[in-house]
């Protein structure tokens, strides 16, 4: 059996993206260079930010075709994070809404990657 513990986003400027994510998740990267940065999240998952200009083989994908998803403990926390992220200047592409899987909103990072926050519905 195999397991996954690392998600990599291809970004224009890893150092600038690392600064953005450090502020967003309130955690500093464990590694940072001009071409790559990495965070270890509380869950143990790793988030890598790799320069789209140096990755080999070159990436043909465009940002926004997938999502990084963050879980929240309550609808109030979802709302609070949406307000905070809006204040930080993130583009909110879906305001908080109740869906069939829970309460959620979606924002975009500076490179256009989708960031979803949700509270799972247990109904």
N, C-alpha and C. Protein backbone atom coordinates (compact mmCIF):
# COMPACT_ATOMS: atom_id res chain seq x y z
N UNK A 1 0.84 -1.18 0.00
CA UNK A 1 0.00 0.00 0.00
C UNK A 1 0.89 1.25 0.00
N UNK A 2 0.43 2.29 -0.71
CA UNK A 2 1.14 3.56 -0.71
C UNK A 2 0.31 4.61 0.02
N UNK A 3 0.95 5.69 0.42
CA UNK A 3 0.28 6.76 1.14
C UNK A 3 0.75 8.09 0.56
N UNK A 4 -0.01 9.14 0.78
CA UNK A 4 0.37 10.47 0.31
C UNK A 4 0.41 11.42 1.49
N UNK A 5 1.45 12.23 1.54
CA UNK A 5 1.56 13.19 2.64
C UNK A 5 2.04 14.55 2.17
N UNK A 6 2.13 14.76 0.85
CA UNK A 6 2.66 16.01 0.32
C UNK A 6 1.83 16.45 -0.88
N UNK A 7 1.40 17.72 -0.85
CA UNK A 7 0.74 18.36 -1.98
C UNK A 7 1.67 19.46 -2.45
N UNK A 8 1.89 19.55 -3.77
CA UNK A 8 2.76 20.59 -4.32
C UNK A 8 1.93 21.48 -5.23
N UNK A 9 2.06 22.78 -5.01
CA UNK A 9 1.46 23.77 -5.90
C UNK A 9 2.58 24.42 -6.69
N UNK A 10 2.38 24.61 -7.99
CA UNK A 10 3.35 25.31 -8.82
C UNK A 10 3.00 26.79 -8.78
N UNK A 11 3.95 27.60 -8.38
CA UNK A 11 3.71 29.03 -8.14
C UNK A 11 4.72 29.88 -8.90
N UNK A 12 4.39 31.15 -9.11
CA UNK A 12 5.31 32.06 -9.81
C UNK A 12 6.53 32.39 -8.99
N UNK A 13 6.36 32.60 -7.68
CA UNK A 13 7.45 33.03 -6.82
C UNK A 13 7.34 32.32 -5.47
N UNK A 14 8.08 31.22 -5.27
CA UNK A 14 7.95 30.46 -4.03
C UNK A 14 8.19 31.27 -2.76
N UNK A 15 9.12 32.22 -2.79
CA UNK A 15 9.36 33.02 -1.59
C UNK A 15 8.17 33.91 -1.26
N UNK A 16 7.57 34.53 -2.27
CA UNK A 16 6.38 35.36 -2.05
C UNK A 16 5.20 34.50 -1.64
N UNK A 17 5.05 33.33 -2.26
CA UNK A 17 3.96 32.43 -1.90
C UNK A 17 4.13 31.91 -0.47
N UNK A 18 5.38 31.64 -0.08
CA UNK A 18 5.64 31.18 1.29
C UNK A 18 5.24 32.26 2.29
N UNK A 19 5.52 33.51 1.96
CA UNK A 19 5.13 34.62 2.83
C UNK A 19 3.60 34.68 2.94
N UNK A 20 2.91 34.51 1.81
CA UNK A 20 1.45 34.51 1.79
C UNK A 20 0.90 33.39 2.67
N UNK A 21 1.39 32.15 2.47
CA UNK A 21 0.87 31.01 3.23
C UNK A 21 1.26 31.08 4.70
N UNK A 22 2.43 31.60 5.02
CA UNK A 22 2.83 31.75 6.43
C UNK A 22 1.84 32.65 7.15
N UNK A 23 1.43 33.73 6.51
CA UNK A 23 0.44 34.62 7.10
C UNK A 23 -0.93 33.96 7.17
N UNK A 24 -1.30 33.23 6.12
CA UNK A 24 -2.62 32.62 6.04
C UNK A 24 -2.81 31.52 7.09
N UNK A 25 -1.81 30.63 7.21
CA UNK A 25 -1.96 29.49 8.12
C UNK A 25 -1.26 29.70 9.46
N UNK A 26 -0.65 30.88 9.62
CA UNK A 26 0.02 31.25 10.86
C UNK A 26 1.07 30.22 11.27
N UNK A 27 1.89 29.86 10.30
CA UNK A 27 2.96 28.87 10.50
C UNK A 27 4.08 29.20 9.53
N UNK A 28 5.32 29.06 9.97
CA UNK A 28 6.47 29.35 9.12
C UNK A 28 6.87 28.10 8.32
N UNK A 29 7.45 28.29 7.13
CA UNK A 29 7.89 27.14 6.35
C UNK A 29 9.08 26.45 7.03
N UNK A 30 9.20 25.14 6.81
CA UNK A 30 10.35 24.40 7.35
C UNK A 30 11.51 24.44 6.37
N UNK A 31 11.22 24.83 5.14
CA UNK A 31 12.25 24.95 4.10
C UNK A 31 11.85 26.07 3.18
N UNK A 32 12.83 26.85 2.76
CA UNK A 32 12.54 27.93 1.81
C UNK A 32 13.80 28.24 1.00
N UNK A 33 13.61 28.38 -0.32
CA UNK A 33 14.69 28.75 -1.23
C UNK A 33 14.05 29.54 -2.37
N UNK A 34 14.84 30.05 -3.29
CA UNK A 34 14.24 30.79 -4.41
C UNK A 34 13.32 29.94 -5.30
N UNK A 35 13.49 28.60 -5.27
CA UNK A 35 12.68 27.76 -6.16
C UNK A 35 11.70 26.84 -5.43
N UNK A 36 11.76 26.77 -4.09
CA UNK A 36 10.89 25.82 -3.38
C UNK A 36 10.71 26.24 -1.93
N UNK A 37 9.52 26.01 -1.41
CA UNK A 37 9.24 26.21 0.01
C UNK A 37 8.33 25.08 0.48
N UNK A 38 8.44 24.72 1.77
CA UNK A 38 7.60 23.64 2.30
C UNK A 38 7.10 23.98 3.70
N UNK A 39 5.85 23.65 3.92
CA UNK A 39 5.21 23.77 5.23
C UNK A 39 4.81 22.38 5.69
N UNK A 40 4.84 22.16 7.00
CA UNK A 40 4.26 20.96 7.59
C UNK A 40 3.06 21.42 8.40
N UNK A 41 1.88 21.00 8.00
CA UNK A 41 0.65 21.40 8.65
C UNK A 41 0.41 20.57 9.91
N UNK A 42 -0.44 21.04 10.82
CA UNK A 42 -0.69 20.29 12.06
C UNK A 42 -1.14 18.84 11.85
N UNK A 43 -1.82 18.58 10.73
CA UNK A 43 -2.27 17.21 10.44
C UNK A 43 -1.13 16.29 10.03
N UNK A 44 0.04 16.88 9.74
CA UNK A 44 1.17 16.11 9.23
C UNK A 44 1.34 16.23 7.73
N UNK A 45 0.29 16.69 7.05
CA UNK A 45 0.39 16.88 5.61
C UNK A 45 1.42 17.98 5.32
N UNK A 46 2.15 17.81 4.24
CA UNK A 46 3.13 18.81 3.82
C UNK A 46 2.59 19.56 2.61
N UNK A 47 2.86 20.86 2.58
CA UNK A 47 2.48 21.70 1.45
C UNK A 47 3.75 22.25 0.84
N UNK A 48 4.01 21.88 -0.41
CA UNK A 48 5.18 22.36 -1.14
C UNK A 48 4.78 23.43 -2.14
N UNK A 49 5.62 24.43 -2.28
CA UNK A 49 5.41 25.51 -3.24
C UNK A 49 6.63 25.53 -4.15
N UNK A 50 6.48 25.08 -5.39
CA UNK A 50 7.59 24.89 -6.31
C UNK A 50 7.47 25.90 -7.45
N UNK A 51 8.55 26.49 -7.83
CA UNK A 51 8.55 27.45 -8.93
C UNK A 51 8.07 26.78 -10.21
N UNK A 52 7.01 27.30 -10.79
CA UNK A 52 6.50 26.73 -12.05
C UNK A 52 7.50 26.94 -13.19
N UNK A 53 8.49 27.80 -12.96
CA UNK A 53 9.48 28.10 -14.00
C UNK A 53 10.67 27.15 -13.95
N UNK A 54 10.80 26.36 -12.86
CA UNK A 54 11.95 25.46 -12.74
C UNK A 54 11.58 24.00 -12.57
N UNK A 55 10.31 23.69 -12.36
CA UNK A 55 9.92 22.29 -12.15
C UNK A 55 10.17 21.48 -13.43
N UNK A 56 10.69 20.27 -13.23
CA UNK A 56 10.95 19.36 -14.36
C UNK A 56 10.25 18.04 -14.10
N UNK A 57 9.52 17.50 -15.06
CA UNK A 57 9.16 18.13 -16.32
C UNK A 57 8.23 19.31 -16.08
N UNK A 58 8.19 20.22 -17.03
CA UNK A 58 7.38 21.43 -16.91
C UNK A 58 5.91 21.08 -16.70
N UNK A 59 5.24 21.87 -15.90
CA UNK A 59 3.82 21.68 -15.64
C UNK A 59 3.01 22.34 -16.75
N UNK A 60 2.01 21.62 -17.24
CA UNK A 60 1.14 22.17 -18.27
C UNK A 60 -0.20 22.62 -17.68
N UNK A 61 -0.43 22.32 -16.40
CA UNK A 61 -1.70 22.65 -15.78
C UNK A 61 -1.83 24.13 -15.45
N UNK A 62 -3.06 24.54 -15.24
CA UNK A 62 -3.32 25.91 -14.83
C UNK A 62 -3.91 25.90 -13.42
N UNK A 63 -3.62 26.91 -12.61
CA UNK A 63 -4.16 26.96 -11.25
C UNK A 63 -5.68 26.98 -11.25
N UNK A 64 -6.26 26.45 -10.19
CA UNK A 64 -7.71 26.48 -10.02
C UNK A 64 -8.41 25.22 -10.44
N UNK A 65 -7.67 24.21 -10.91
CA UNK A 65 -8.32 22.97 -11.33
C UNK A 65 -8.47 21.99 -10.18
N UNK A 66 -7.93 22.31 -9.03
CA UNK A 66 -8.06 21.50 -7.83
C UNK A 66 -8.17 22.44 -6.64
N UNK A 67 -8.22 21.88 -5.45
CA UNK A 67 -8.38 22.68 -4.25
C UNK A 67 -7.52 22.15 -3.12
N UNK A 68 -7.05 23.05 -2.27
CA UNK A 68 -6.55 22.66 -0.96
C UNK A 68 -7.71 22.91 -0.02
N UNK A 69 -8.03 21.93 0.80
CA UNK A 69 -9.21 22.01 1.66
C UNK A 69 -8.79 22.02 3.12
N UNK A 70 -9.32 22.99 3.86
CA UNK A 70 -9.06 23.15 5.28
C UNK A 70 -10.36 22.90 6.04
N UNK A 71 -10.30 22.11 7.10
CA UNK A 71 -11.51 21.83 7.87
C UNK A 71 -11.66 22.81 9.02
N UNK A 72 -12.90 23.11 9.34
CA UNK A 72 -13.25 24.00 10.45
C UNK A 72 -14.13 23.23 11.43
N UNK A 73 -14.17 23.72 12.67
CA UNK A 73 -14.94 23.04 13.72
C UNK A 73 -16.39 23.48 13.79
N UNK A 74 -16.72 24.63 13.19
CA UNK A 74 -18.09 25.14 13.30
C UNK A 74 -18.39 26.08 12.14
N UNK A 75 -19.68 26.35 11.94
CA UNK A 75 -20.07 27.32 10.93
C UNK A 75 -19.51 28.70 11.27
N UNK A 76 -19.46 29.01 12.56
CA UNK A 76 -18.93 30.30 12.99
C UNK A 76 -17.46 30.44 12.62
N UNK A 77 -16.70 29.36 12.75
CA UNK A 77 -15.30 29.41 12.36
C UNK A 77 -15.16 29.60 10.85
N UNK A 78 -16.02 28.95 10.07
CA UNK A 78 -16.02 29.13 8.62
C UNK A 78 -16.25 30.61 8.30
N UNK A 79 -17.28 31.20 8.91
CA UNK A 79 -17.59 32.61 8.68
C UNK A 79 -16.43 33.52 9.10
N UNK A 80 -15.84 33.23 10.26
CA UNK A 80 -14.74 34.06 10.77
C UNK A 80 -13.53 33.99 9.83
N UNK A 81 -13.20 32.79 9.34
CA UNK A 81 -12.07 32.66 8.42
C UNK A 81 -12.36 33.37 7.10
N UNK A 82 -13.59 33.28 6.62
CA UNK A 82 -13.94 33.99 5.38
C UNK A 82 -13.74 35.48 5.57
N UNK A 83 -14.20 36.02 6.67
CA UNK A 83 -14.03 37.46 6.95
C UNK A 83 -12.56 37.83 7.06
N UNK A 84 -11.80 37.02 7.78
CA UNK A 84 -10.36 37.28 7.96
C UNK A 84 -9.64 37.24 6.62
N UNK A 85 -9.90 36.22 5.82
CA UNK A 85 -9.22 36.09 4.53
C UNK A 85 -9.61 37.24 3.60
N UNK A 86 -10.88 37.66 3.65
CA UNK A 86 -11.30 38.80 2.84
C UNK A 86 -10.52 40.05 3.26
N UNK A 87 -10.38 40.25 4.59
CA UNK A 87 -9.62 41.39 5.11
C UNK A 87 -8.15 41.32 4.68
N UNK A 88 -7.61 40.11 4.54
CA UNK A 88 -6.22 39.94 4.11
C UNK A 88 -6.06 40.16 2.60
N UNK A 89 -7.17 40.35 1.89
CA UNK A 89 -7.12 40.64 0.47
C UNK A 89 -7.32 39.45 -0.44
N UNK A 90 -7.67 38.28 0.11
CA UNK A 90 -7.92 37.13 -0.75
C UNK A 90 -9.20 37.33 -1.54
N UNK A 91 -9.21 36.85 -2.77
CA UNK A 91 -10.43 36.86 -3.57
C UNK A 91 -11.32 35.73 -3.07
N UNK A 92 -12.52 36.07 -2.63
CA UNK A 92 -13.50 35.06 -2.21
C UNK A 92 -14.36 34.76 -3.42
N UNK A 93 -14.28 33.53 -3.93
CA UNK A 93 -15.01 33.17 -5.15
C UNK A 93 -16.32 32.47 -4.84
N UNK A 94 -16.50 32.03 -3.60
CA UNK A 94 -17.79 31.50 -3.14
C UNK A 94 -17.95 31.91 -1.68
N UNK A 95 -18.96 32.72 -1.42
CA UNK A 95 -19.25 33.12 -0.05
C UNK A 95 -19.75 31.91 0.74
N UNK A 96 -19.70 31.98 2.07
CA UNK A 96 -20.16 30.84 2.87
C UNK A 96 -21.57 30.40 2.48
N UNK A 97 -21.71 29.09 2.31
CA UNK A 97 -22.97 28.52 1.86
C UNK A 97 -23.10 27.10 2.42
N UNK A 98 -24.32 26.69 2.68
CA UNK A 98 -24.59 25.32 3.10
C UNK A 98 -24.70 24.46 1.85
N UNK A 99 -23.95 23.36 1.80
CA UNK A 99 -23.98 22.43 0.66
C UNK A 99 -24.39 21.06 1.17
N UNK A 100 -24.44 20.08 0.28
CA UNK A 100 -24.83 18.73 0.71
C UNK A 100 -23.77 18.08 1.60
N UNK A 101 -22.53 18.57 1.59
CA UNK A 101 -21.49 17.99 2.44
C UNK A 101 -21.17 18.84 3.66
N UNK A 102 -21.68 20.08 3.71
CA UNK A 102 -21.43 20.93 4.86
C UNK A 102 -21.43 22.40 4.51
N UNK A 103 -20.97 23.21 5.44
CA UNK A 103 -20.93 24.66 5.30
C UNK A 103 -19.54 25.04 4.81
N UNK A 104 -19.45 25.88 3.75
CA UNK A 104 -18.18 26.06 3.07
C UNK A 104 -18.06 27.42 2.39
N UNK A 105 -16.82 27.83 2.13
CA UNK A 105 -16.53 28.95 1.22
C UNK A 105 -15.25 28.62 0.47
N UNK A 106 -15.02 29.35 -0.62
CA UNK A 106 -13.84 29.14 -1.46
C UNK A 106 -13.17 30.49 -1.74
N UNK A 107 -11.84 30.51 -1.61
CA UNK A 107 -11.02 31.68 -1.92
C UNK A 107 -9.95 31.26 -2.92
N UNK A 108 -9.20 32.24 -3.40
CA UNK A 108 -8.07 31.97 -4.30
C UNK A 108 -6.80 32.59 -3.70
N UNK A 109 -5.68 31.86 -3.87
CA UNK A 109 -4.39 32.42 -3.46
C UNK A 109 -3.87 33.32 -4.59
N UNK A 110 -2.75 34.02 -4.40
CA UNK A 110 -2.27 34.94 -5.44
C UNK A 110 -1.96 34.29 -6.79
N UNK A 111 -1.71 32.97 -6.80
CA UNK A 111 -1.46 32.28 -8.07
C UNK A 111 -2.73 31.72 -8.70
N UNK A 112 -3.88 31.88 -8.02
CA UNK A 112 -5.14 31.39 -8.55
C UNK A 112 -5.56 30.02 -8.04
N UNK A 113 -4.79 29.42 -7.14
CA UNK A 113 -5.16 28.12 -6.58
C UNK A 113 -6.37 28.29 -5.66
N UNK A 114 -7.30 27.34 -5.74
CA UNK A 114 -8.51 27.40 -4.92
C UNK A 114 -8.23 26.89 -3.51
N UNK A 115 -8.76 27.62 -2.52
CA UNK A 115 -8.62 27.27 -1.11
C UNK A 115 -10.03 27.16 -0.53
N UNK A 116 -10.41 25.97 -0.12
CA UNK A 116 -11.75 25.75 0.43
C UNK A 116 -11.65 25.55 1.93
N UNK A 117 -12.57 26.15 2.66
CA UNK A 117 -12.74 25.92 4.09
C UNK A 117 -14.13 25.34 4.26
N UNK A 118 -14.26 24.29 5.08
CA UNK A 118 -15.57 23.68 5.27
C UNK A 118 -15.74 23.15 6.69
N UNK A 119 -16.98 23.06 7.09
CA UNK A 119 -17.37 22.34 8.31
C UNK A 119 -18.24 21.21 7.82
N UNK A 120 -17.81 19.98 8.05
CA UNK A 120 -18.49 18.79 7.57
C UNK A 120 -19.86 18.65 8.21
N UNK A 121 -20.85 18.40 7.36
CA UNK A 121 -22.21 18.17 7.85
C UNK A 121 -22.32 16.71 8.27
N UNK A 122 -22.79 16.48 9.48
CA UNK A 122 -22.92 15.12 9.99
C UNK A 122 -24.36 14.65 9.99
N UNK A 123 -25.23 15.34 9.28
CA UNK A 123 -26.66 14.99 9.22
C UNK A 123 -26.88 13.73 8.44
